[in-house]
Amino acid sequence: MDLFSKCLQYWPIVDTAEKAGYYPYFIPLNSEPDRRVTIDGRELIMLGSNNYLGLTTHPKLKEAAVDSIRRYGTGCTGSRFLNGTLDLHVRLEHELAEFYGKESCLVFSTGYQTNLGIMSALVRKHDIAITDKLDHASIMDGCKMSYGAVKRFLHNDPHSFERVVERQPEDSGKLVVVDGVFSMEGDVSPLDKLVPVAKKHHCRFLVDDAHAVGVLGPDGRGTAAHFGVEKDVDMIMGTFSKSFASIGGYVVGEKKVITFIRHNARSMIFSAAIPPPAAATALAALDIIRNEPDRRERLWRTARKMIDGLKSMGYEIGNTETPIIPLHIGEDMKTLNFWRALYDGGIFANPVLPPAVPPNRSLIRTSYMATHTEEDTDRALELFEKVGKEFGLLE
């Protein structure tokens, strides 16, 4: 069999979707990724971004990025392990550790690589990773690289979690890994119920807070802070590609543990360091997260307005508690056509199909920013009502 036969079989799916006008991926923006974007000369309200605090266009971040290029150049051209570490990276790690009240921090090139590095370094043969069934792909891929066993519990189900934990051998090393905020559904992991069980059974605990930092908890410190369990969570992972308006990832925790990961995480050792403007942007964003709580408050006002508005219309939005609000549509083709109607009406949102969601549970993922205006949200609600009625989702 030809190695490329699978590619030839896949091609008609994409080709047909593109020609029919309902291919929703890799759409190029012609403007800054802000609350409104330009695509093919047409302005759309951006409801498909992870730019929760709306910092991608903030003058302070732009200035920090430009200044860093003047001082450090455009890139590091090497791994953190060898020639790629700048004093800028060290400062960023120090400030993040201080922000979370942890001893140490390690910055990676991407959030995906962060989870790969943590899991593959810590979970070895005879160890066990205990994960939520809806954990992010980077966690599951890290488990595959780890050579350890993987045990999964039902999504956000403390009883299922406890049953899984109780069945594991006492003499094995165990790492519990959960998303703080789940990126498709917008629901929050019940850390107040999971962490005590993990501690009772001598499990270590890692929270992937990619979608929570800057959004949840006191000072935007994320899910563990939101539930008041920071001291009992061993490691917190985050990314710079959401609220930080940059690129990269990090993990904070005990110094001896972070040092071990630093010297054993293949995804860090064999990848080039994030470039100076990315690190400088993340530092500037961290300063805003710490010192401008009103930005987070604006985000939550918008989120609550949209949750209330969509619920009152009759949309099924699941158990979201965050600025990520899914609209459950169901059938795949109906979801793609719904997406297209929104797009034509002036809204950029994200259609999510299997395998990212279970069969017949396709949805439209919407997400909101601190910079969205009343005009933006009023227009969005008006269009959601119009399209929802056209597709028979609303009465």
Protein backbone atom coordinates (compact mmCIF):
# COMPACT_ATOMS: atom_id res chain seq x y z
CA MET A 1 0.00 0.00 0.00
CA ASP A 2 1.19 3.51 -0.82
CA LEU A 3 2.01 5.50 2.32
CA PHE A 4 0.15 8.49 0.85
CA SER A 5 -3.09 6.58 0.17
CA LYS A 6 -4.62 7.93 3.38
CA CYS A 7 -3.94 11.46 2.12
CA LEU A 8 -5.67 10.77 -1.17
CA GLN A 9 -8.71 9.40 0.64
CA TYR A 10 -8.86 12.43 2.95
CA TRP A 11 -8.48 15.06 0.25
CA PRO A 12 -12.10 14.98 -1.10
CA ILE A 13 -13.48 15.80 2.37
CA VAL A 14 -11.57 19.07 2.57
CA ASP A 15 -11.88 19.86 -1.13
CA THR A 16 -15.68 19.44 -1.10
CA ALA A 17 -16.03 21.60 2.02
CA GLU A 18 -13.90 24.38 0.52
CA LYS A 19 -15.83 24.39 -2.74
CA ALA A 20 -19.19 24.34 -0.95
CA GLY A 21 -18.16 27.25 1.29
CA TYR A 22 -18.38 25.60 4.69
CA TYR A 23 -14.69 24.91 5.37
CA PRO A 24 -14.13 26.80 8.65
CA TYR A 25 -10.40 26.36 9.29
CA PHE A 26 -7.17 28.25 8.51
CA ILE A 27 -9.06 31.45 7.67
CA PRO A 28 -6.47 34.26 7.39
CA LEU A 29 -7.10 37.52 9.24
CA ASN A 30 -6.10 40.75 7.52
CA SER A 31 -5.90 42.75 10.74
CA GLU A 32 -4.86 42.65 14.38
CA PRO A 33 -6.56 39.82 16.34
CA ASP A 34 -8.70 42.22 18.34
CA ARG A 35 -12.40 42.39 19.35
CA ARG A 36 -13.18 42.98 15.69
CA VAL A 37 -11.17 41.57 12.79
CA THR A 38 -10.99 42.09 9.05
CA ILE A 39 -11.28 39.12 6.67
CA ASP A 40 -11.30 39.69 2.91
CA GLY A 41 -12.07 43.35 3.52
CA ARG A 42 -15.08 42.62 5.75
CA GLU A 43 -15.27 43.38 9.48
CA LEU A 44 -16.44 40.65 11.86
CA ILE A 45 -16.94 40.53 15.62
CA MET A 46 -14.28 38.15 16.96
CA LEU A 47 -15.92 35.54 19.20
CA GLY A 48 -13.41 32.80 18.47
CA SER A 49 -10.30 34.00 20.25
CA ASN A 50 -8.48 33.13 23.50
CA ASN A 51 -7.47 36.77 23.87
CA TYR A 52 -9.50 36.99 27.09
CA LEU A 53 -8.05 40.24 28.43
CA GLY A 54 -7.82 41.84 24.99
CA LEU A 55 -4.10 42.51 25.35
CA THR A 56 -2.89 41.70 21.82
CA THR A 57 -3.21 45.36 20.82
CA HIS A 58 -2.23 46.94 24.15
CA PRO A 59 0.37 49.71 23.58
CA LYS A 60 2.44 48.58 26.57
CA LEU A 61 2.83 45.07 25.14
CA LYS A 62 3.70 46.36 21.69
CA GLU A 63 6.29 48.70 23.11
CA ALA A 64 7.83 45.92 25.22
CA ALA A 65 8.09 43.65 22.17
CA VAL A 66 9.73 46.33 20.00
CA ASP A 67 12.18 47.36 22.75
CA SER A 68 13.23 43.74 23.28
CA ILE A 69 14.07 43.36 19.59
CA ARG A 70 16.25 46.48 19.74
CA ARG A 71 18.14 45.04 22.72
CA TYR A 72 18.19 41.28 22.04
CA GLY A 73 17.45 40.88 18.33
CA THR A 74 14.73 38.76 16.80
CA GLY A 75 15.42 35.26 18.11
CA CYS A 76 17.50 33.04 20.38
CA THR A 77 18.55 30.46 17.73
CA GLY A 78 19.02 27.72 20.28
CA SER A 79 17.68 25.65 23.12
CA ARG A 80 17.27 27.02 26.62
CA PHE A 81 19.53 24.14 27.67
CA LEU A 82 22.52 25.47 25.72
CA ASN A 83 22.73 28.93 24.16
CA GLY A 84 19.08 30.05 24.14
CA THR A 85 18.55 31.39 27.68
CA LEU A 86 18.40 35.18 28.07
CA ASP A 87 18.24 37.14 31.29
CA LEU A 88 14.75 38.02 30.03
CA HIS A 89 13.70 34.36 30.37
CA VAL A 90 15.18 34.17 33.85
CA ARG A 91 13.33 37.30 34.93
CA LEU A 92 10.07 35.98 33.48
CA GLU A 93 10.49 32.71 35.39
CA HIS A 94 11.25 34.54 38.64
CA GLU A 95 8.22 36.81 38.32
CA LEU A 96 5.86 33.95 37.46
CA ALA A 97 7.06 31.91 40.45
CA GLU A 98 6.50 34.95 42.66
CA PHE A 99 3.05 35.56 41.14
CA TYR A 100 1.92 32.04 42.08
CA GLY A 101 3.74 31.87 45.41
CA LYS A 102 5.80 28.89 44.23
CA GLU A 103 9.54 28.30 44.54
CA SER A 104 10.47 27.98 40.88
CA CYS A 105 9.31 28.22 37.28
CA LEU A 106 10.40 26.87 33.89
CA VAL A 107 9.41 28.52 30.58
CA PHE A 108 8.90 26.37 27.47
CA SER A 109 8.50 27.28 23.80
CA THR A 110 4.75 26.48 23.69
CA GLY A 111 2.02 25.35 26.04
CA TYR A 112 1.75 22.05 24.17
CA GLN A 113 5.44 21.37 24.71
CA THR A 114 5.08 22.27 28.38
CA ASN A 115 2.65 19.44 29.05
CA LEU A 116 4.67 17.03 26.91
CA GLY A 117 7.79 17.93 28.89
CA ILE A 118 6.20 17.67 32.34
CA MET A 119 4.47 14.36 31.69
CA SER A 120 7.34 12.62 29.91
CA ALA A 121 9.87 13.77 32.50
CA LEU A 122 7.91 12.90 35.64
CA VAL A 123 5.74 9.90 34.75
CA ARG A 124 8.06 6.96 34.17
CA LYS A 125 7.67 3.20 33.97
CA HIS A 126 5.61 1.89 36.94
CA ASP A 127 4.20 5.42 37.55
CA ILE A 128 0.56 6.33 36.91
CA ALA A 129 -1.04 9.42 35.36
CA ILE A 130 -4.66 9.97 36.46
CA THR A 131 -6.51 12.22 34.04
CA ASP A 132 -9.95 13.66 33.36
CA LYS A 133 -11.51 12.14 30.23
CA LEU A 134 -11.74 15.58 28.65
CA ASP A 135 -8.19 16.72 29.43
CA HIS A 136 -6.40 18.62 26.66
CA ALA A 137 -4.67 16.72 23.86
CA SER A 138 -1.26 17.94 25.05
CA ILE A 139 -1.78 16.12 28.36
CA MET A 140 -2.82 12.91 26.65
CA ASP A 141 0.09 13.13 24.20
CA GLY A 142 2.44 13.69 27.13
CA CYS A 143 1.03 10.54 28.72
CA LYS A 144 1.85 8.62 25.52
CA MET A 145 5.45 9.80 25.74
CA SER A 146 5.77 8.94 29.41
CA TYR A 147 5.91 5.11 29.45
CA GLY A 148 3.67 5.23 32.52
CA ALA A 149 0.17 3.84 32.91
CA VAL A 150 -2.83 6.13 32.32
CA LYS A 151 -6.09 5.92 34.28
CA ARG A 152 -9.01 8.18 33.35
CA PHE A 153 -12.03 9.28 35.36
CA LEU A 154 -15.39 10.62 34.22
CA HIS A 155 -15.36 14.31 33.38
CA ASN A 156 -15.54 16.54 36.47
CA ASP A 157 -16.92 13.63 38.53
CA PRO A 158 -15.40 13.55 42.05
CA HIS A 159 -16.94 10.13 42.81
CA SER A 160 -15.45 8.58 39.66
CA PHE A 161 -12.13 10.25 40.50
CA GLU A 162 -12.08 8.80 44.01
CA ARG A 163 -12.91 5.31 42.72
CA VAL A 164 -10.05 5.46 40.21
CA VAL A 165 -7.56 6.77 42.78
CA GLU A 166 -8.48 4.15 45.37
CA ARG A 167 -7.77 1.32 42.91
CA GLN A 168 -4.16 2.33 42.27
CA PRO A 169 -1.25 0.57 44.02
CA GLU A 170 -0.06 2.42 47.10
CA ASP A 171 3.60 1.94 46.18
CA SER A 172 3.28 3.56 42.72
CA GLY A 173 4.08 7.15 41.87
CA LYS A 174 0.84 8.92 40.94
CA LEU A 175 0.26 12.24 39.18
CA VAL A 176 -3.25 13.68 38.83
CA VAL A 177 -3.57 16.04 35.86
CA VAL A 178 -6.65 18.14 35.08
CA ASP A 179 -7.53 21.19 33.05
CA GLY A 180 -8.51 24.04 35.35
CA VAL A 181 -10.91 25.39 32.73
CA PHE A 182 -11.92 23.05 29.90
CA SER A 183 -11.35 24.83 26.63
CA MET A 184 -14.39 23.61 24.66
CA GLU A 185 -17.16 23.57 27.29
CA GLY A 186 -15.94 26.38 29.54
CA ASP A 187 -16.62 24.41 32.73
CA VAL A 188 -14.28 24.42 35.72
CA SER A 189 -12.58 21.44 37.35
CA PRO A 190 -13.88 21.00 40.96
CA LEU A 191 -10.45 21.25 42.57
CA ASP A 192 -11.97 21.77 46.01
CA LYS A 193 -13.28 18.18 45.79
CA LEU A 194 -10.44 16.55 43.84
CA VAL A 195 -7.39 17.91 45.63
CA PRO A 196 -8.24 16.58 49.16
CA VAL A 197 -8.80 13.07 47.73
CA ALA A 198 -5.50 13.21 45.86
CA LYS A 199 -3.66 14.36 48.97
CA LYS A 200 -5.25 11.60 51.07
CA HIS A 201 -3.96 8.97 48.65
CA HIS A 202 -0.48 10.54 48.26
CA CYS A 203 -0.94 11.67 44.66
CA ARG A 204 0.89 14.65 43.24
CA PHE A 205 -1.34 17.21 41.47
CA LEU A 206 -0.86 19.24 38.27
CA VAL A 207 -3.38 21.79 37.00
CA ASP A 208 -3.31 22.94 33.37
CA ASP A 209 -4.52 26.51 33.78
CA ALA A 210 -4.02 27.67 30.20
CA HIS A 211 -7.56 29.10 30.00
CA ALA A 212 -7.78 30.25 33.64
CA VAL A 213 -4.75 32.43 34.29
CA GLY A 214 -5.74 36.08 34.03
CA VAL A 215 -9.40 35.07 34.18
CA LEU A 216 -10.15 33.18 37.42
CA GLY A 217 -9.11 33.63 41.04
CA PRO A 218 -7.67 36.48 43.09
CA ASP A 219 -5.34 38.59 40.92
CA GLY A 220 -6.08 36.22 38.02
CA ARG A 221 -3.96 33.42 39.51
CA GLY A 222 -6.27 30.75 38.15
CA THR A 223 -8.34 27.79 39.27
CA ALA A 224 -6.34 26.69 42.31
CA ALA A 225 -6.54 30.22 43.72
CA HIS A 226 -10.24 30.37 42.84
CA PHE A 227 -10.87 27.32 45.07
CA GLY A 228 -8.29 28.26 47.71
CA VAL A 229 -6.17 25.12 47.19
CA GLU A 230 -2.95 26.64 45.82
CA LYS A 231 -0.79 25.25 48.64
CA ASP A 232 -2.02 21.70 47.98
CA VAL A 233 -1.55 21.84 44.20
CA ASP A 234 2.02 20.77 43.44
CA MET A 235 2.36 22.27 39.96
CA ILE A 236 0.47 24.78 37.85
CA MET A 237 0.98 24.92 34.12
CA GLY A 238 0.01 27.85 31.92
CA THR A 239 0.49 29.35 28.49
CA PHE A 240 1.35 32.76 27.09
CA SER A 241 -0.90 32.29 24.05
CA LYS A 242 -4.15 33.27 25.74
CA SER A 243 -4.42 36.03 28.35
CA PHE A 244 -0.71 36.86 27.95
CA ALA A 245 -1.17 37.67 24.23
CA SER A 246 2.11 36.02 23.26
CA ILE A 247 3.46 32.49 22.70
CA GLY A 248 5.08 29.99 25.07
CA GLY A 249 4.27 27.97 28.16
CA TYR A 250 5.45 27.51 31.74
CA VAL A 251 5.17 25.39 34.85
CA VAL A 252 5.60 26.51 38.46
CA GLY A 253 6.25 24.36 41.52
CA GLU A 254 8.83 23.18 44.03
CA LYS A 255 12.41 24.08 43.05
CA LYS A 256 13.74 20.49 43.16
CA VAL A 257 10.89 19.27 40.95
CA ILE A 258 11.23 22.12 38.42
CA THR A 259 15.00 21.53 38.32
CA PHE A 260 14.39 17.86 37.49
CA ILE A 261 11.98 18.81 34.69
CA ARG A 262 14.48 21.41 33.43
CA HIS A 263 17.08 18.67 32.93
CA ASN A 264 14.78 15.91 31.66
CA ALA A 265 12.02 17.47 29.55
CA ARG A 266 12.88 16.58 25.96
CA SER A 267 10.38 19.09 24.55
CA MET A 268 12.34 21.87 26.23
CA ILE A 269 15.88 20.56 25.75
CA PHE A 270 15.41 19.94 22.02
CA SER A 271 13.42 23.08 21.13
CA ALA A 272 14.58 26.63 20.60
CA ALA A 273 13.70 29.17 23.28
CA ILE A 274 10.83 31.60 22.84
CA PRO A 275 12.14 34.74 21.09
CA PRO A 276 12.80 37.98 23.00
CA PRO A 277 9.59 39.77 21.94
CA ALA A 278 7.49 36.83 23.14
CA ALA A 279 9.16 36.84 26.56
CA ALA A 280 9.00 40.64 26.87
CA THR A 281 5.32 40.64 25.87
CA ALA A 282 4.54 37.99 28.52
CA LEU A 283 6.30 40.07 31.19
CA ALA A 284 4.32 43.18 30.25
CA ALA A 285 1.08 41.18 30.24
CA LEU A 286 1.85 39.75 33.70
CA ASP A 287 2.26 43.30 35.00
CA ILE A 288 -1.17 44.23 33.63
CA ILE A 289 -2.77 41.06 35.04
CA ARG A 290 -1.41 41.94 38.49
CA ASN A 291 -2.18 45.64 38.44
CA GLU A 292 -5.33 46.16 36.33
CA PRO A 293 -8.15 44.12 37.94
CA ASP A 294 -10.73 46.29 36.20
CA ARG A 295 -9.85 44.58 32.92
CA ARG A 296 -10.79 41.21 34.41
CA GLU A 297 -13.99 42.72 35.83
CA ARG A 298 -14.99 43.97 32.36
CA LEU A 299 -14.40 40.49 30.98
CA TRP A 300 -16.70 38.94 33.58
CA ARG A 301 -19.44 41.53 32.99
CA THR A 302 -19.41 40.61 29.31
CA ALA A 303 -19.35 36.88 30.06
CA ARG A 304 -22.30 37.09 32.45
CA LYS A 305 -24.30 39.15 29.96
CA MET A 306 -23.74 36.59 27.22
CA ILE A 307 -24.44 33.58 29.45
CA ASP A 308 -27.69 35.12 30.66
CA GLY A 309 -28.69 36.27 27.18
CA LEU A 310 -28.04 32.97 25.44
CA LYS A 311 -29.69 30.96 28.22
CA SER A 312 -32.80 33.12 28.16
CA MET A 313 -33.10 32.64 24.39
CA GLY A 314 -33.16 28.88 24.94
CA TYR A 315 -29.68 27.82 23.80
CA GLU A 316 -28.10 24.76 25.38
CA ILE A 317 -24.79 26.08 26.72
CA GLY A 318 -23.85 23.24 29.07
CA ASN A 319 -22.16 23.87 32.42
CA THR A 320 -19.95 26.78 31.45
CA GLU A 321 -18.85 29.08 34.28
CA THR A 322 -16.39 31.14 32.27
CA PRO A 323 -16.06 33.46 29.25
CA ILE A 324 -15.98 30.31 27.07
CA ILE A 325 -19.60 29.68 26.08
CA PRO A 326 -20.49 26.71 23.82
CA LEU A 327 -23.66 26.55 21.76
CA HIS A 328 -24.56 22.88 21.45
CA ILE A 329 -25.90 22.16 17.97
CA GLY A 330 -25.56 18.38 17.61
CA GLU A 331 -25.26 17.10 14.03
CA ASP A 332 -21.99 17.90 12.24
CA MET A 333 -23.35 19.36 9.01
CA LYS A 334 -25.91 21.46 10.86
CA THR A 335 -23.09 22.85 13.00
CA LEU A 336 -21.04 23.79 9.94
CA ASN A 337 -24.03 25.48 8.30
CA PHE A 338 -24.79 27.29 11.55
CA TRP A 339 -21.19 28.49 11.66
CA ARG A 340 -21.47 29.72 8.09
CA ALA A 341 -24.64 31.67 8.86
CA LEU A 342 -22.89 33.39 11.77
CA TYR A 343 -19.87 34.12 9.59
CA ASP A 344 -22.01 35.62 6.84
CA GLY A 345 -23.83 37.67 9.48
CA GLY A 346 -20.60 39.16 10.84
CA ILE A 347 -19.47 36.86 13.67
CA PHE A 348 -16.27 34.83 13.75
CA ALA A 349 -16.76 31.78 16.00
CA ASN A 350 -15.34 28.24 16.11
CA PRO A 351 -17.21 25.08 15.00
CA VAL A 352 -16.08 22.07 17.04
CA LEU A 353 -16.67 18.61 15.58
CA PRO A 354 -15.69 15.03 16.54
CA PRO A 355 -13.17 13.85 17.64
CA ALA A 356 -12.80 17.07 19.66
CA VAL A 357 -16.31 16.37 21.02
CA PRO A 358 -18.36 13.14 21.23
CA PRO A 359 -20.39 12.04 18.15
CA ASN A 360 -23.58 14.10 17.61
CA ARG A 361 -22.39 16.66 20.18
CA SER A 362 -20.90 19.19 17.76
CA LEU A 363 -20.96 22.76 18.97
CA ILE A 364 -20.09 26.35 18.25
CA ARG A 365 -17.44 27.58 20.68
CA THR A 366 -17.71 31.28 21.49
CA SER A 367 -15.37 33.19 23.77
CA TYR A 368 -15.26 36.76 24.99
CA MET A 369 -12.80 39.55 25.72
CA ALA A 370 -12.47 42.36 28.20
CA THR A 371 -12.43 44.76 25.24
CA HIS A 372 -15.78 43.72 23.74
CA THR A 373 -18.19 46.66 23.81
CA GLU A 374 -21.91 46.83 24.51
CA GLU A 375 -22.39 47.37 20.78
CA ASP A 376 -20.46 44.14 20.05
CA THR A 377 -22.43 42.00 22.49
CA ASP A 378 -25.81 43.50 21.58
CA ARG A 379 -25.12 42.82 17.90
CA ALA A 380 -23.94 39.28 18.72
CA LEU A 381 -27.06 38.45 20.74
CA GLU A 382 -29.26 39.84 17.98
CA LEU A 383 -27.57 37.62 15.39
CA PHE A 384 -27.59 34.54 17.66
CA GLU A 385 -31.35 34.93 18.07
CA LYS A 386 -31.92 35.38 14.33
CA VAL A 387 -29.77 32.40 13.28
CA GLY A 388 -31.03 30.20 16.12
CA LYS A 389 -34.61 30.65 14.94
CA GLU A 390 -33.65 30.02 11.30
CA PHE A 391 -32.08 26.68 12.29
CA GLY A 392 -34.93 25.62 14.57
CA LEU A 393 -32.82 25.77 17.74
CA LEU A 394 -34.98 28.51 19.25
CA GLU A 395 -38.73 28.98 19.31
